[in-house]
N, C-alpha and C. Protein backbone atom coordinates (compact mmCIF):
# COMPACT_ATOMS: atom_id res chain seq x y z
N MET A 1 103.26 113.89 117.50
CA MET A 1 103.79 113.09 116.28
C MET A 1 103.57 114.03 115.26
N GLU A 2 104.72 114.38 114.80
CA GLU A 2 104.36 116.06 113.98
C GLU A 2 105.27 116.15 112.75
N ARG A 3 104.83 116.97 111.60
CA ARG A 3 105.39 116.18 109.86
C ARG A 3 106.96 116.74 110.37
N ASP A 4 107.56 117.93 111.47
CA ASP A 4 108.68 117.50 111.63
C ASP A 4 109.97 116.44 112.29
N ASP A 5 108.75 115.26 112.11
CA ASP A 5 109.59 114.23 112.86
C ASP A 5 110.22 112.93 111.92
N LEU A 6 109.72 114.03 110.79
CA LEU A 6 109.62 112.61 109.77
C LEU A 6 111.34 112.36 109.48
N ASP A 7 111.80 112.67 109.65
CA ASP A 7 113.43 111.90 109.28
C ASP A 7 114.19 111.31 110.56
N ARG A 8 112.94 111.43 111.78
CA ARG A 8 113.09 110.49 113.60
C ARG A 8 113.16 109.97 112.75
N LEU A 9 111.22 109.70 112.57
CA LEU A 9 110.59 108.36 112.71
C LEU A 9 111.23 107.97 111.77
N LEU A 10 112.03 108.16 110.70
CA LEU A 10 112.89 107.14 109.54
C LEU A 10 114.05 106.85 110.12
N ALA A 11 114.67 107.44 110.79
CA ALA A 11 115.47 106.85 112.22
C ALA A 11 115.00 105.66 112.75
N PHE A 12 113.79 105.89 113.63
CA PHE A 12 113.52 104.43 114.51
C PHE A 12 113.17 103.21 113.33
N ILE A 13 112.03 103.78 112.53
CA ILE A 13 111.76 102.34 112.20
C ILE A 13 112.96 101.99 111.47
N ASN A 14 113.83 102.39 110.35
CA ASN A 14 114.79 101.30 109.87
C ASN A 14 115.91 100.99 111.35
N GLY A 15 115.45 101.70 112.35
CA GLY A 15 116.79 101.32 113.26
C GLY A 15 116.25 99.38 113.41
N LEU A 16 114.36 99.45 113.64
CA LEU A 16 113.90 98.97 114.41
C LEU A 16 113.75 97.44 113.32
N VAL A 17 113.87 97.99 112.03
CA VAL A 17 114.38 96.95 110.39
C VAL A 17 115.71 96.11 111.44
N VAL A 18 117.30 97.03 111.55
CA VAL A 18 118.36 96.51 111.77
C VAL A 18 117.85 95.68 112.88
N GLU A 19 117.31 96.37 114.18
CA GLU A 19 117.27 95.48 115.31
C GLU A 19 116.68 93.66 115.29
N LYS A 20 115.51 93.62 113.85
CA LYS A 20 115.14 92.40 113.75
C LYS A 20 116.28 91.98 112.74
N GLN A 21 116.73 92.40 112.10
CA GLN A 21 117.79 91.58 110.71
C GLN A 21 118.60 91.04 111.84
N LYS A 22 119.31 91.71 112.84
CA LYS A 22 119.92 91.03 113.86
C LYS A 22 119.91 89.96 114.22
N ASP A 23 118.20 89.81 114.65
CA ASP A 23 118.05 88.67 115.73
C ASP A 23 117.19 88.56 114.89
N LYS A 24 117.26 87.02 114.07
CA LYS A 24 116.01 86.56 113.80
C LYS A 24 115.24 85.74 114.38
N ALA A 25 115.78 85.64 115.62
CA ALA A 25 114.51 84.68 116.77
C ALA A 25 113.47 85.45 117.40
N SER A 26 113.70 86.82 117.04
CA SER A 26 112.49 88.40 117.84
C SER A 26 111.83 88.19 117.53
N GLU A 27 110.64 88.67 118.57
CA GLU A 27 108.75 88.31 118.18
C GLU A 27 108.90 90.00 118.09
N LEU A 28 110.07 91.01 117.67
CA LEU A 28 109.24 92.16 117.90
C LEU A 28 108.68 92.27 115.73
N PHE A 29 107.57 93.19 116.27
CA PHE A 29 106.94 93.01 114.52
C PHE A 29 107.15 94.88 114.26
N THR A 30 107.78 94.68 112.99
CA THR A 30 107.96 95.87 112.47
C THR A 30 106.80 96.18 111.44
N GLY A 31 106.35 95.57 110.65
CA GLY A 31 105.42 95.18 109.33
C GLY A 31 107.22 95.44 108.56
N PHE A 32 107.73 95.10 108.27
CA PHE A 32 108.80 95.51 107.84
C PHE A 32 110.33 94.60 107.82
N GLU A 33 110.66 93.46 106.36
CA GLU A 33 111.85 92.66 106.42
C GLU A 33 112.41 93.80 106.28
N ASN A 34 112.85 94.89 105.44
CA ASN A 34 113.55 95.66 104.87
C ASN A 34 113.72 96.94 105.34
N LYS A 35 114.34 98.23 105.08
CA LYS A 35 114.29 99.68 105.04
C LYS A 35 113.47 100.27 104.78
N VAL A 36 113.10 101.40 104.93
CA VAL A 36 111.74 102.29 104.81
C VAL A 36 111.87 103.15 103.81
N THR A 37 111.83 103.80 102.49
CA THR A 37 112.42 104.87 102.03
C THR A 37 111.89 106.23 102.74
N ARG A 38 112.42 106.89 102.58
CA ARG A 38 111.89 108.00 103.14
C ARG A 38 110.49 108.73 102.50
N ASP A 39 110.58 108.59 100.47
CA ASP A 39 109.12 109.04 100.29
C ASP A 39 108.34 108.43 101.43
N ASP A 40 108.87 106.60 101.58
CA ASP A 40 107.59 105.86 102.34
C ASP A 40 106.71 106.56 103.59
N GLU A 41 108.20 106.45 104.43
CA GLU A 41 108.26 107.26 105.59
C GLU A 41 106.96 108.39 105.98
N ALA A 42 106.92 109.47 104.69
CA ALA A 42 106.89 110.13 104.23
C ALA A 42 105.19 110.27 104.23
N ASN A 43 104.68 109.43 103.43
CA ASN A 43 103.00 108.82 102.65
C ASN A 43 102.54 108.45 104.30
N TRP A 44 103.44 107.28 105.12
CA TRP A 44 102.94 106.51 105.87
C TRP A 44 102.76 108.78 107.11
N LEU A 45 103.33 109.46 106.95
CA LEU A 45 103.70 110.23 108.18
C LEU A 45 102.00 110.71 107.70
N SER A 46 102.02 111.41 106.55
CA SER A 46 100.63 112.00 106.33
C SER A 46 99.69 110.98 106.56
N SER A 47 99.58 110.00 106.54
CA SER A 47 98.19 109.63 106.91
C SER A 47 98.29 109.65 107.78
N ARG A 48 98.80 109.23 108.85
CA ARG A 48 98.69 109.53 110.32
C ARG A 48 98.63 110.54 110.80
N ILE A 49 98.79 111.83 110.66
CA ILE A 49 98.93 113.10 111.08
C ILE A 49 97.04 113.83 110.43
N VAL A 50 96.71 113.06 108.94
CA VAL A 50 95.25 113.19 108.97
C VAL A 50 94.33 112.42 109.74
N GLN A 51 95.11 111.19 109.68
CA GLN A 51 93.96 110.44 111.26
C GLN A 51 94.41 111.07 112.85
N LEU A 52 95.14 112.08 113.57
CA LEU A 52 95.41 112.50 114.52
C LEU A 52 94.04 114.01 114.08
N GLU A 53 94.93 114.64 112.93
CA GLU A 53 92.87 115.77 112.97
C GLU A 53 91.93 115.37 113.16
N ASN A 54 91.51 113.97 112.26
CA ASN A 54 89.68 114.26 112.37
C ASN A 54 90.03 112.88 113.68
N GLY A 55 90.23 113.09 114.62
CA GLY A 55 90.07 112.53 115.99
C GLY A 55 90.50 110.54 116.27
N ASP A 56 90.97 110.44 114.77
CA ASP A 56 90.40 109.06 114.65
C ASP A 56 92.09 108.19 115.77
N ARG A 57 92.96 108.81 115.39
CA ARG A 57 94.38 108.16 116.48
C ARG A 57 94.86 109.49 117.20
N VAL A 58 95.43 108.83 118.71
CA VAL A 58 96.32 109.17 119.36
C VAL A 58 97.98 109.12 119.19
N ASN A 59 98.74 109.59 119.47
CA ASN A 59 100.41 109.04 119.01
C ASN A 59 101.10 109.91 120.08
N VAL A 60 101.65 109.02 120.52
CA VAL A 60 102.74 109.38 121.00
C VAL A 60 104.27 108.72 121.46
N VAL A 61 105.09 109.34 120.91
CA VAL A 61 107.32 109.09 120.90
C VAL A 61 107.07 109.80 121.90
N ALA A 62 108.28 108.72 122.58
CA ALA A 62 109.32 108.61 123.55
C ALA A 62 110.17 109.62 122.50
N GLU A 63 111.02 110.53 123.26
CA GLU A 63 113.14 110.58 122.55
C GLU A 63 113.48 110.14 124.38
N VAL A 64 114.72 110.57 124.11
CA VAL A 64 115.66 110.39 123.80
C VAL A 64 116.78 110.98 123.20
N ASN A 65 116.84 112.23 123.88
CA ASN A 65 118.57 113.63 123.63
C ASN A 65 118.41 113.70 122.25
N GLY A 66 117.02 113.75 121.88
CA GLY A 66 116.27 114.25 120.38
C GLY A 66 115.59 112.77 119.36
N ARG A 67 116.15 111.72 119.99
CA ARG A 67 116.32 110.17 119.17
C ARG A 67 114.84 110.12 119.58
N ILE A 68 114.19 109.09 118.55
CA ILE A 68 112.73 108.64 119.07
C ILE A 68 113.14 107.39 118.83
N VAL A 69 112.82 106.96 121.07
CA VAL A 69 113.07 105.73 121.07
C VAL A 69 111.86 104.89 121.59
N ALA A 70 110.49 105.33 121.04
CA ALA A 70 109.74 104.39 121.04
C ALA A 70 108.78 105.21 119.84
N ASN A 71 107.29 104.42 119.37
CA ASN A 71 106.20 105.32 119.57
C ASN A 71 104.96 104.52 119.92
N GLY A 72 103.53 105.09 120.18
CA GLY A 72 103.23 104.82 120.27
C GLY A 72 100.98 104.89 120.63
N ASP A 73 100.39 104.48 119.49
CA ASP A 73 99.00 104.64 119.08
C ASP A 73 97.94 103.55 119.63
N ILE A 74 96.36 104.33 119.39
CA ILE A 74 95.90 104.19 120.03
C ILE A 74 94.58 104.08 118.60
N ALA A 75 93.91 103.34 117.64
CA ALA A 75 93.40 104.11 116.54
C ALA A 75 92.66 103.74 116.65
N ARG A 76 91.16 104.68 116.08
CA ARG A 76 89.48 104.10 116.73
C ARG A 76 89.12 103.34 115.92
N GLY A 77 88.16 102.55 115.50
CA GLY A 77 88.32 101.25 114.86
C GLY A 77 87.87 102.33 113.51
N HIS A 78 86.96 101.89 112.18
CA HIS A 78 86.80 101.77 111.15
C HIS A 78 85.04 102.79 110.71
N TYR A 79 84.75 101.82 111.04
CA TYR A 79 83.01 101.13 110.24
C TYR A 79 82.57 101.85 111.26
N SER A 80 80.47 101.97 111.57
CA SER A 80 79.67 102.92 112.68
C SER A 80 80.35 101.41 113.23
N GLU A 81 80.06 100.45 113.26
CA GLU A 81 79.88 99.24 114.59
C GLU A 81 81.05 99.19 114.71
N THR A 82 82.35 99.25 114.75
CA THR A 82 83.77 99.31 115.67
C THR A 82 83.82 100.58 115.73
N HIS A 83 83.63 101.68 115.92
CA HIS A 83 83.70 103.61 115.87
C HIS A 83 83.92 102.87 117.69
N HIS A 84 83.80 102.53 118.51
CA HIS A 84 84.07 102.54 119.72
C HIS A 84 85.10 101.29 120.10
N HIS A 85 85.55 101.14 118.77
CA HIS A 85 86.66 100.18 119.63
C HIS A 85 88.18 100.27 119.40
N GLY A 86 88.86 99.90 119.81
CA GLY A 86 90.37 100.39 119.77
C GLY A 86 91.33 99.61 119.14
N GLU A 87 92.41 99.95 118.61
CA GLU A 87 93.81 99.22 118.15
C GLU A 87 94.89 99.83 119.37
N LEU A 88 95.47 99.30 119.82
CA LEU A 88 96.80 99.68 120.84
C LEU A 88 98.32 99.13 119.28
N GLY A 89 99.10 100.27 119.62
CA GLY A 89 100.42 99.55 119.14
C GLY A 89 101.70 99.97 119.46
N LEU A 90 102.58 99.29 120.02
CA LEU A 90 103.63 99.79 120.93
C LEU A 90 104.86 99.35 120.32
N THR A 91 105.60 99.92 119.89
CA THR A 91 106.88 99.33 119.40
C THR A 91 107.83 100.96 120.57
N VAL A 92 109.18 99.94 121.44
CA VAL A 92 110.19 100.54 122.00
C VAL A 92 111.30 100.22 121.20
N MET A 93 112.56 100.82 120.82
CA MET A 93 114.04 99.88 120.70
C MET A 93 114.76 99.23 121.58
N LYS A 94 114.52 98.07 121.61
CA LYS A 94 115.44 97.30 122.61
C LYS A 94 116.28 98.08 124.07
N ALA A 95 117.82 98.93 123.02
CA ALA A 95 118.20 98.89 124.45
C ALA A 95 117.45 100.32 125.48
N TYR A 96 115.67 100.42 124.89
CA TYR A 96 114.88 101.05 125.99
C TYR A 96 113.94 100.73 126.99
N ARG A 97 113.56 99.00 126.46
CA ARG A 97 112.59 98.01 127.03
C ARG A 97 113.59 97.33 128.76
N GLY A 98 112.41 97.69 129.07
CA GLY A 98 112.40 97.19 130.86
C GLY A 98 112.39 97.83 131.21
N MET A 99 112.49 99.68 130.86
CA MET A 99 113.05 100.64 132.01
C MET A 99 110.80 101.28 131.77
N GLY A 100 110.11 100.53 132.01
CA GLY A 100 108.91 101.51 132.30
C GLY A 100 108.19 101.69 131.31
N LEU A 101 108.82 102.77 129.86
CA LEU A 101 108.77 103.77 129.18
C LEU A 101 107.40 103.06 128.75
N GLY A 102 107.32 101.84 128.30
CA GLY A 102 105.79 101.28 127.01
C GLY A 102 105.28 101.72 128.48
N GLY A 103 105.12 100.84 129.59
CA GLY A 103 104.08 101.56 130.45
C GLY A 103 103.62 102.51 130.53
N GLU A 104 104.27 103.53 130.66
CA GLU A 104 103.91 105.28 131.15
C GLU A 104 103.44 105.63 129.27
N MET A 105 103.73 104.63 128.46
CA MET A 105 103.28 105.53 126.71
C MET A 105 101.73 105.19 127.09
N VAL A 106 101.90 103.97 127.06
CA VAL A 106 100.03 102.76 127.64
C VAL A 106 99.68 104.39 128.11
N ARG A 107 99.73 104.61 129.79
CA ARG A 107 98.49 105.34 130.32
C ARG A 107 98.34 106.80 129.43
N THR A 108 99.60 106.96 128.99
CA THR A 108 99.64 108.34 128.35
C THR A 108 98.89 108.22 127.27
N LEU A 109 98.71 107.29 126.93
CA LEU A 109 97.51 107.27 125.00
C LEU A 109 95.77 106.70 125.36
N LEU A 110 95.94 106.22 127.01
CA LEU A 110 94.73 106.12 127.06
C LEU A 110 94.12 107.37 127.91
N ARG A 111 95.31 108.46 128.30
CA ARG A 111 94.79 109.34 129.34
C ARG A 111 94.03 110.67 127.59
N GLU A 112 94.36 110.15 127.26
CA GLU A 112 94.78 111.12 125.81
C GLU A 112 93.17 111.04 125.23
N ARG A 113 93.00 109.87 124.63
CA ARG A 113 92.47 108.65 123.67
C ARG A 113 91.11 109.97 123.67
C-alpha cells in the first residue's frame, strides 16, 4: 500500500460500503455505514503509511486489472506488554471471495511480518 493508492483505496472501501448497504444481512464489517470522503481516506492512508514505515504494521492489497479488490494487514500491539501480539484484518470484495485470495494474503502477511 502506497500514497499513490489513495483513489483506488477510496473506491475499494466505498465499494464495500455499498456492498454492505445492499445486503443488510451481510456480516461484512467495514467500520462505516456511509461512504468515506476522499479527505477521510487520505488521513487514514497517511496514518497507515507512518505505521508501515515505523514497522508497526504490515499491509498487502490484492489487485485485479489495476483495481484493489482486497486489503489485509497485521498491526503490532501498541503497548510494551502487547508489542509481541498482533491484530490481523482482511477484507475481500464479494466478487472475489471463495477463490483462495484471502488465504494467500494471510500467508503473505505472515511471511512479511
